[in-house]
Amino acid sequence: MLSRLGIGGRVIGAGRTDSGVHATGQELSFEAPRRWVIQELARALDSVLPDDVWIETLREAAPDFHPRFQATGRRYEYYLAPGLAGRSPHRRRGTWWIDDPPDPEALQAVARAVLGRHDFDGLSMSGQPDVATVCTIETAEWVETPLGDL
């Protein structure tokens, strides 16, 4: 698909998500022919990418840039939708619907418990050499959205 635009070689991503999970702000790197102007290339990429993928920002990077190994952090957001509104088919893919609203203090206590430096080896895929499993969680909190989700 990208070869139609003269883009060959590997497209390298900052990481991956599990099946059914949406990634926002995903950083990628690839080599493009010099003839492309960045704005035109962004439009051209959007025209050949699947409907659920789009180019928000495209910029030139240093030749040795590696999105996975030079990432300085990641942000994860999870949504809970208590009550009937959470059953909406428009929110189903990105929101976990639950019958009753959870105790906000209990949620905040759990969020505070994960702060700090932890080894997530038990959650990593086995057999991957040289994978760093120690991470520092700097922020964890539950916030109510304008839709009433948490």
N, C-alpha and C. Protein backbone atom coordinates (compact mmCIF):
# COMPACT_ATOMS: atom_id res chain seq x y z
N MET A 1 0.83 -1.18 0.00
CA MET A 1 0.00 0.00 0.00
C MET A 1 0.88 1.26 0.00
N LEU A 2 1.89 1.31 0.88
CA LEU A 2 2.75 2.50 0.93
C LEU A 2 3.71 2.54 -0.25
N SER A 3 3.95 1.36 -0.86
CA SER A 3 4.85 1.35 -2.01
C SER A 3 4.30 2.19 -3.16
N ARG A 4 2.98 2.37 -3.22
CA ARG A 4 2.38 3.23 -4.24
C ARG A 4 2.86 4.67 -4.10
N LEU A 5 3.30 5.04 -2.89
CA LEU A 5 3.78 6.39 -2.64
C LEU A 5 5.30 6.49 -2.70
N GLY A 6 5.94 5.38 -3.06
CA GLY A 6 7.39 5.36 -3.12
C GLY A 6 8.05 5.10 -1.78
N ILE A 7 7.27 4.65 -0.80
CA ILE A 7 7.81 4.37 0.53
C ILE A 7 8.09 2.89 0.62
N GLY A 8 9.35 2.56 0.75
CA GLY A 8 9.73 1.15 0.86
C GLY A 8 10.38 0.91 2.20
N GLY A 9 10.88 -0.27 2.38
CA GLY A 9 11.56 -0.58 3.64
C GLY A 9 10.57 -0.81 4.76
N ARG A 10 11.05 -0.66 5.97
CA ARG A 10 10.25 -0.95 7.15
C ARG A 10 9.59 0.29 7.72
N VAL A 11 8.39 0.11 8.20
CA VAL A 11 7.72 1.12 8.99
C VAL A 11 7.86 0.65 10.43
N ILE A 12 8.47 1.46 11.28
CA ILE A 12 8.75 1.06 12.66
C ILE A 12 7.83 1.85 13.58
N GLY A 13 7.14 1.14 14.46
CA GLY A 13 6.22 1.77 15.40
C GLY A 13 6.80 1.85 16.79
N ALA A 14 6.24 2.74 17.61
CA ALA A 14 6.70 2.92 18.99
C ALA A 14 6.36 1.71 19.85
N GLY A 15 5.38 0.98 19.49
CA GLY A 15 4.96 -0.19 20.25
C GLY A 15 3.73 -0.74 19.60
N ARG A 16 3.07 -1.63 20.29
CA ARG A 16 1.87 -2.21 19.72
C ARG A 16 0.79 -2.20 20.78
N THR A 17 -0.43 -2.42 20.34
CA THR A 17 -1.52 -2.54 21.29
C THR A 17 -2.12 -3.93 21.15
N ASP A 18 -2.83 -4.35 22.14
CA ASP A 18 -3.51 -5.63 22.08
C ASP A 18 -4.71 -5.52 21.14
N SER A 19 -5.19 -6.64 20.68
CA SER A 19 -6.35 -6.68 19.80
C SER A 19 -7.53 -5.96 20.45
N GLY A 20 -8.20 -5.12 19.67
CA GLY A 20 -9.36 -4.40 20.17
C GLY A 20 -9.05 -3.13 20.93
N VAL A 21 -7.78 -2.79 21.05
CA VAL A 21 -7.38 -1.60 21.79
C VAL A 21 -7.00 -0.51 20.78
N HIS A 22 -7.42 0.70 21.04
CA HIS A 22 -7.10 1.81 20.16
C HIS A 22 -5.84 2.51 20.65
N ALA A 23 -4.96 2.85 19.74
CA ALA A 23 -3.75 3.60 20.08
C ALA A 23 -3.92 5.01 19.53
N THR A 24 -3.63 5.98 20.37
CA THR A 24 -3.61 7.37 19.90
C THR A 24 -2.21 7.90 20.13
N GLY A 25 -1.80 8.80 19.28
CA GLY A 25 -0.47 9.37 19.44
C GLY A 25 0.63 8.38 19.12
N GLN A 26 0.35 7.39 18.31
CA GLN A 26 1.35 6.37 17.96
C GLN A 26 2.44 7.00 17.09
N GLU A 27 3.68 6.82 17.48
CA GLU A 27 4.82 7.34 16.70
C GLU A 27 5.32 6.25 15.77
N LEU A 28 5.58 6.60 14.53
CA LEU A 28 6.10 5.68 13.52
C LEU A 28 7.27 6.35 12.82
N SER A 29 8.14 5.53 12.27
CA SER A 29 9.19 6.09 11.42
C SER A 29 9.30 5.26 10.15
N PHE A 30 9.66 5.95 9.07
CA PHE A 30 9.86 5.31 7.77
C PHE A 30 10.68 6.26 6.91
N GLU A 31 11.24 5.73 5.85
CA GLU A 31 11.98 6.57 4.92
C GLU A 31 11.08 6.88 3.73
N ALA A 32 11.00 8.14 3.39
CA ALA A 32 10.19 8.58 2.24
C ALA A 32 11.11 9.28 1.25
N PRO A 33 10.78 9.20 -0.03
CA PRO A 33 11.59 9.90 -1.03
C PRO A 33 11.62 11.41 -0.76
N ARG A 34 12.72 12.04 -1.04
CA ARG A 34 12.91 13.47 -0.80
C ARG A 34 11.94 14.33 -1.58
N ARG A 35 11.36 13.79 -2.66
CA ARG A 35 10.47 14.59 -3.51
C ARG A 35 9.18 14.99 -2.80
N TRP A 36 8.86 14.30 -1.70
CA TRP A 36 7.60 14.59 -0.99
C TRP A 36 7.74 15.81 -0.10
N VAL A 37 6.78 16.70 -0.17
CA VAL A 37 6.63 17.79 0.78
C VAL A 37 5.81 17.21 1.93
N ILE A 38 6.15 17.53 3.16
CA ILE A 38 5.53 16.88 4.31
C ILE A 38 4.00 16.95 4.28
N GLN A 39 3.43 18.12 4.01
CA GLN A 39 1.96 18.26 4.00
C GLN A 39 1.34 17.40 2.90
N GLU A 40 1.97 17.33 1.73
CA GLU A 40 1.44 16.51 0.64
C GLU A 40 1.55 15.03 0.98
N LEU A 41 2.64 14.65 1.62
CA LEU A 41 2.82 13.26 2.00
C LEU A 41 1.77 12.85 3.04
N ALA A 42 1.47 13.71 3.99
CA ALA A 42 0.44 13.41 4.99
C ALA A 42 -0.90 13.17 4.31
N ARG A 43 -1.27 14.02 3.36
CA ARG A 43 -2.53 13.84 2.62
C ARG A 43 -2.51 12.53 1.82
N ALA A 44 -1.39 12.25 1.18
CA ALA A 44 -1.28 11.03 0.37
C ALA A 44 -1.38 9.78 1.26
N LEU A 45 -0.72 9.81 2.41
CA LEU A 45 -0.81 8.67 3.33
C LEU A 45 -2.25 8.47 3.80
N ASP A 46 -2.92 9.55 4.17
CA ASP A 46 -4.32 9.44 4.61
C ASP A 46 -5.21 8.83 3.53
N SER A 47 -4.87 9.06 2.27
CA SER A 47 -5.71 8.53 1.18
C SER A 47 -5.56 7.02 1.01
N VAL A 48 -4.47 6.42 1.48
CA VAL A 48 -4.27 4.98 1.30
C VAL A 48 -4.38 4.18 2.60
N LEU A 49 -4.45 4.87 3.72
CA LEU A 49 -4.57 4.17 5.01
C LEU A 49 -6.00 3.73 5.26
N PRO A 50 -6.19 2.69 6.08
CA PRO A 50 -7.56 2.28 6.43
C PRO A 50 -8.31 3.42 7.12
N ASP A 51 -9.63 3.35 7.10
CA ASP A 51 -10.46 4.43 7.67
C ASP A 51 -10.21 4.68 9.14
N ASP A 52 -9.76 3.67 9.89
CA ASP A 52 -9.56 3.85 11.34
C ASP A 52 -8.15 4.28 11.68
N VAL A 53 -7.36 4.67 10.69
CA VAL A 53 -5.99 5.16 10.90
C VAL A 53 -5.87 6.49 10.15
N TRP A 54 -5.26 7.48 10.80
CA TRP A 54 -5.06 8.76 10.13
C TRP A 54 -3.77 9.40 10.60
N ILE A 55 -3.28 10.32 9.81
CA ILE A 55 -2.05 11.06 10.13
C ILE A 55 -2.45 12.35 10.82
N GLU A 56 -2.08 12.49 12.09
CA GLU A 56 -2.37 13.73 12.81
C GLU A 56 -1.25 14.74 12.58
N THR A 57 -0.01 14.27 12.72
CA THR A 57 1.16 15.13 12.56
C THR A 57 2.23 14.32 11.84
N LEU A 58 2.85 14.94 10.88
CA LEU A 58 3.96 14.30 10.17
C LEU A 58 5.11 15.29 10.21
N ARG A 59 6.27 14.80 10.60
CA ARG A 59 7.44 15.68 10.68
C ARG A 59 8.70 14.88 10.35
N GLU A 60 9.70 15.62 9.93
CA GLU A 60 10.98 14.98 9.63
C GLU A 60 11.71 14.68 10.92
N ALA A 61 12.35 13.51 10.96
CA ALA A 61 13.08 13.09 12.15
C ALA A 61 14.54 12.85 11.78
N ALA A 62 15.37 12.79 12.78
CA ALA A 62 16.79 12.47 12.56
C ALA A 62 16.90 11.07 11.96
N PRO A 63 17.91 10.83 11.13
CA PRO A 63 18.05 9.52 10.49
C PRO A 63 18.15 8.35 11.48
N ASP A 64 18.65 8.61 12.67
CA ASP A 64 18.81 7.52 13.65
C ASP A 64 17.63 7.43 14.64
N PHE A 65 16.55 8.17 14.38
CA PHE A 65 15.39 8.14 15.28
C PHE A 65 14.75 6.75 15.27
N HIS A 66 14.47 6.22 16.45
CA HIS A 66 13.76 4.94 16.60
C HIS A 66 12.61 5.15 17.57
N PRO A 67 11.37 5.09 17.10
CA PRO A 67 10.23 5.43 17.95
C PRO A 67 10.05 4.52 19.16
N ARG A 68 10.48 3.29 19.06
CA ARG A 68 10.31 2.39 20.21
C ARG A 68 11.37 2.62 21.27
N PHE A 69 12.61 2.68 20.85
CA PHE A 69 13.70 2.75 21.82
C PHE A 69 13.95 4.16 22.34
N GLN A 70 13.43 5.17 21.68
CA GLN A 70 13.61 6.54 22.15
C GLN A 70 12.35 7.13 22.77
N ALA A 71 11.34 6.31 22.96
CA ALA A 71 10.12 6.79 23.62
C ALA A 71 10.45 7.14 25.07
N THR A 72 9.91 8.22 25.54
CA THR A 72 10.18 8.64 26.92
C THR A 72 9.01 8.35 27.85
N GLY A 73 7.91 7.89 27.30
CA GLY A 73 6.77 7.56 28.14
C GLY A 73 5.60 7.08 27.33
N ARG A 74 4.62 6.59 28.02
CA ARG A 74 3.37 6.15 27.40
C ARG A 74 2.23 6.60 28.30
N ARG A 75 1.09 6.76 27.69
CA ARG A 75 -0.10 7.16 28.44
C ARG A 75 -1.22 6.19 28.09
N TYR A 76 -1.85 5.67 29.10
CA TYR A 76 -2.96 4.74 28.90
C TYR A 76 -4.21 5.34 29.51
N GLU A 77 -5.32 5.24 28.80
CA GLU A 77 -6.60 5.72 29.31
C GLU A 77 -7.60 4.59 29.20
N TYR A 78 -8.34 4.38 30.27
CA TYR A 78 -9.39 3.38 30.31
C TYR A 78 -10.66 4.07 30.74
N TYR A 79 -11.79 3.70 30.16
CA TYR A 79 -13.05 4.36 30.46
C TYR A 79 -14.07 3.38 31.01
N LEU A 80 -14.70 3.76 32.11
CA LEU A 80 -15.82 3.04 32.70
C LEU A 80 -17.06 3.89 32.51
N ALA A 81 -18.15 3.28 32.11
CA ALA A 81 -19.40 4.02 31.93
C ALA A 81 -20.47 3.39 32.81
N PRO A 82 -20.69 3.99 33.97
CA PRO A 82 -21.74 3.46 34.84
C PRO A 82 -23.12 3.90 34.36
N GLY A 83 -24.09 3.02 34.50
CA GLY A 83 -25.46 3.37 34.15
C GLY A 83 -25.81 3.05 32.71
N LEU A 84 -27.04 3.32 32.38
CA LEU A 84 -27.61 2.95 31.09
C LEU A 84 -26.90 3.60 29.90
N ALA A 85 -26.45 4.84 30.03
CA ALA A 85 -25.82 5.54 28.90
C ALA A 85 -24.57 4.82 28.40
N GLY A 86 -23.92 4.08 29.28
CA GLY A 86 -22.73 3.35 28.88
C GLY A 86 -22.99 2.21 27.91
N ARG A 87 -24.24 1.84 27.74
CA ARG A 87 -24.58 0.76 26.82
C ARG A 87 -24.69 1.23 25.38
N SER A 88 -24.52 2.51 25.14
CA SER A 88 -24.64 3.06 23.79
C SER A 88 -23.70 2.34 22.84
N PRO A 89 -24.19 1.95 21.65
CA PRO A 89 -23.32 1.28 20.67
C PRO A 89 -22.18 2.18 20.20
N HIS A 90 -22.34 3.49 20.34
CA HIS A 90 -21.30 4.43 19.92
C HIS A 90 -20.12 4.44 20.88
N ARG A 91 -20.35 4.00 22.11
CA ARG A 91 -19.29 4.02 23.13
C ARG A 91 -18.78 2.62 23.44
N ARG A 92 -19.41 1.62 22.89
CA ARG A 92 -19.13 0.23 23.23
C ARG A 92 -17.67 -0.19 22.99
N ARG A 93 -17.05 0.28 21.92
CA ARG A 93 -15.70 -0.16 21.59
C ARG A 93 -14.63 0.42 22.51
N GLY A 94 -14.89 1.56 23.11
CA GLY A 94 -13.84 2.19 23.90
C GLY A 94 -14.16 2.35 25.37
N THR A 95 -15.29 1.82 25.80
CA THR A 95 -15.74 2.05 27.17
C THR A 95 -16.24 0.75 27.78
N TRP A 96 -15.89 0.50 29.02
CA TRP A 96 -16.38 -0.66 29.74
C TRP A 96 -17.64 -0.25 30.49
N TRP A 97 -18.76 -0.85 30.14
CA TRP A 97 -20.04 -0.52 30.76
C TRP A 97 -20.22 -1.35 32.02
N ILE A 98 -20.64 -0.70 33.09
CA ILE A 98 -20.93 -1.38 34.35
C ILE A 98 -22.28 -0.88 34.86
N ASP A 99 -23.01 -1.74 35.57
CA ASP A 99 -24.35 -1.39 36.06
C ASP A 99 -24.33 -0.22 37.03
N ASP A 100 -23.59 -0.38 38.11
CA ASP A 100 -23.63 0.60 39.20
C ASP A 100 -22.36 1.42 39.25
N PRO A 101 -22.47 2.68 39.58
CA PRO A 101 -21.27 3.51 39.72
C PRO A 101 -20.36 2.96 40.83
N PRO A 102 -19.07 2.86 40.56
CA PRO A 102 -18.15 2.39 41.60
C PRO A 102 -17.90 3.48 42.64
N ASP A 103 -17.35 3.10 43.75
CA ASP A 103 -16.99 4.04 44.81
C ASP A 103 -15.77 4.86 44.35
N PRO A 104 -15.93 6.17 44.16
CA PRO A 104 -14.81 6.99 43.68
C PRO A 104 -13.58 6.92 44.58
N GLU A 105 -13.76 6.87 45.88
CA GLU A 105 -12.62 6.78 46.79
C GLU A 105 -11.86 5.47 46.62
N ALA A 106 -12.59 4.38 46.41
CA ALA A 106 -11.94 3.08 46.19
C ALA A 106 -11.14 3.09 44.89
N LEU A 107 -11.68 3.71 43.85
CA LEU A 107 -10.95 3.81 42.58
C LEU A 107 -9.67 4.61 42.76
N GLN A 108 -9.75 5.73 43.46
CA GLN A 108 -8.56 6.57 43.67
C GLN A 108 -7.52 5.83 44.51
N ALA A 109 -7.96 5.04 45.48
CA ALA A 109 -7.02 4.27 46.31
C ALA A 109 -6.26 3.25 45.47
N VAL A 110 -6.96 2.60 44.56
CA VAL A 110 -6.30 1.64 43.67
C VAL A 110 -5.32 2.37 42.75
N ALA A 111 -5.71 3.53 42.25
CA ALA A 111 -4.83 4.30 41.37
C ALA A 111 -3.55 4.70 42.11
N ARG A 112 -3.68 5.13 43.35
CA ARG A 112 -2.50 5.52 44.14
C ARG A 112 -1.58 4.32 44.39
N ALA A 113 -2.17 3.14 44.50
CA ALA A 113 -1.37 1.94 44.81
C ALA A 113 -0.43 1.53 43.67
N VAL A 114 -0.74 1.93 42.44
CA VAL A 114 0.13 1.54 41.33
C VAL A 114 1.22 2.56 41.03
N LEU A 115 1.20 3.69 41.72
CA LEU A 115 2.24 4.71 41.50
C LEU A 115 3.60 4.17 41.90
N GLY A 116 4.62 4.63 41.19
CA GLY A 116 5.99 4.25 41.54
C GLY A 116 6.62 3.33 40.51
N ARG A 117 7.75 2.77 40.90
CA ARG A 117 8.55 1.92 40.01
C ARG A 117 8.21 0.45 40.29
N HIS A 118 7.84 -0.28 39.22
CA HIS A 118 7.42 -1.67 39.36
C HIS A 118 8.00 -2.52 38.24
N ASP A 119 8.17 -3.80 38.50
CA ASP A 119 8.60 -4.76 37.48
C ASP A 119 7.36 -5.48 36.98
N PHE A 120 7.06 -5.31 35.69
CA PHE A 120 5.88 -5.90 35.07
C PHE A 120 6.22 -7.16 34.28
N ASP A 121 7.28 -7.86 34.69
CA ASP A 121 7.70 -9.07 33.99
C ASP A 121 6.57 -10.09 33.89
N GLY A 122 5.78 -10.21 34.92
CA GLY A 122 4.68 -11.17 34.91
C GLY A 122 3.62 -10.87 33.87
N LEU A 123 3.59 -9.67 33.36
CA LEU A 123 2.61 -9.30 32.34
C LEU A 123 3.19 -9.28 30.94
N SER A 124 4.50 -9.55 30.81
CA SER A 124 5.14 -9.47 29.50
C SER A 124 5.06 -10.82 28.78
N MET A 125 5.23 -10.76 27.47
CA MET A 125 5.23 -11.97 26.66
C MET A 125 6.54 -12.71 26.90
N SER A 126 6.46 -13.98 27.15
CA SER A 126 7.67 -14.76 27.44
C SER A 126 8.47 -14.98 26.16
N GLY A 127 9.77 -15.15 26.34
CA GLY A 127 10.65 -15.46 25.23
C GLY A 127 11.17 -14.26 24.46
N GLN A 128 10.93 -13.06 24.94
CA GLN A 128 11.44 -11.88 24.26
C GLN A 128 12.74 -11.45 24.92
N PRO A 129 13.84 -11.51 24.19
CA PRO A 129 15.12 -11.13 24.78
C PRO A 129 15.23 -9.62 24.94
N ASP A 130 15.94 -9.21 25.96
CA ASP A 130 16.27 -7.80 26.17
C ASP A 130 15.06 -6.87 26.22
N VAL A 131 14.00 -7.33 26.83
CA VAL A 131 12.81 -6.50 26.98
C VAL A 131 12.83 -5.90 28.37
N ALA A 132 12.76 -4.58 28.45
CA ALA A 132 12.73 -3.92 29.75
C ALA A 132 11.33 -4.06 30.33
N THR A 133 11.25 -4.57 31.53
CA THR A 133 9.94 -4.78 32.16
C THR A 133 9.73 -3.88 33.38
N VAL A 134 10.73 -3.10 33.74
CA VAL A 134 10.61 -2.20 34.88
C VAL A 134 10.16 -0.83 34.36
N CYS A 135 9.06 -0.34 34.91
CA CYS A 135 8.50 0.94 34.49
C CYS A 135 8.17 1.78 35.72
N THR A 136 8.17 3.08 35.52
CA THR A 136 7.76 4.00 36.57
C THR A 136 6.43 4.60 36.19
N ILE A 137 5.43 4.42 37.03
CA ILE A 137 4.12 5.02 36.81
C ILE A 137 4.10 6.34 37.57
N GLU A 138 4.02 7.43 36.82
CA GLU A 138 4.11 8.76 37.41
C GLU A 138 2.74 9.31 37.81
N THR A 139 1.71 8.95 37.06
CA THR A 139 0.37 9.47 37.32
C THR A 139 -0.64 8.35 37.14
N ALA A 140 -1.57 8.25 38.05
CA ALA A 140 -2.70 7.32 37.93
C ALA A 140 -3.86 7.95 38.67
N GLU A 141 -4.94 8.18 37.95
CA GLU A 141 -6.09 8.83 38.58
C GLU A 141 -7.35 8.51 37.81
N TRP A 142 -8.47 8.62 38.47
CA TRP A 142 -9.78 8.48 37.86
C TRP A 142 -10.40 9.87 37.79
N VAL A 143 -10.89 10.24 36.61
CA VAL A 143 -11.48 11.55 36.39
C VAL A 143 -12.82 11.35 35.69
N GLU A 144 -13.81 12.12 36.09
CA GLU A 144 -15.10 12.04 35.41
C GLU A 144 -15.06 12.87 34.14
N THR A 145 -15.53 12.28 33.03
CA THR A 145 -15.56 12.98 31.75
C THR A 145 -16.88 13.74 31.61
N PRO A 146 -17.01 14.60 30.61
CA PRO A 146 -18.26 15.32 30.40
C PRO A 146 -19.46 14.38 30.15
N LEU A 147 -19.18 13.16 29.66
CA LEU A 147 -20.25 12.20 29.41
C LEU A 147 -20.64 11.43 30.67
N GLY A 148 -19.92 11.66 31.76
CA GLY A 148 -20.20 10.95 33.00
C GLY A 148 -19.40 9.67 33.15
N ASP A 149 -18.52 9.38 32.18
CA ASP A 149 -17.66 8.21 32.28
C ASP A 149 -16.56 8.50 33.28
N LEU A 150 -15.92 7.45 33.74
CA LEU A 150 -14.75 7.57 34.62
C LEU A 150 -13.55 7.06 33.86
